[in-house]
Amino acid sequence: MPSEVKRSISIAGHRTSISLERPFWEALKELACTDDISVNELVRRIDETRDEADNLSSAVRVHVLGVYRARAGAGGTACAVTAPPA
């Protein structure tokens, strides 16, 4: 598995660090470019919508995965995996 890359970003004027694997950083950049926004802005939006109990790096991964799954049409297929009970 690729090692994580730690990068500093600014959210609402506050610096924070996020550790993601390279493929997630690349996907995050692609998504930001598609929306014509900066990576910082995309992460800010993800941060706004995440549950406070969730780690920001995990929230970014889940967001990226969700966008790519939606693009692939995986959300409503017969092969979709259901989440285990909480």
Foldseek 3Di string as FASTA:
>chain_A
DAFWDKDWAAAPNDIDIATDGPVLVVLLCVVCVVVVHHSNVVLNVLVVPDDPVDDSNVSSVVVSVVVVCVVVVVPDDPPNDDDDDD
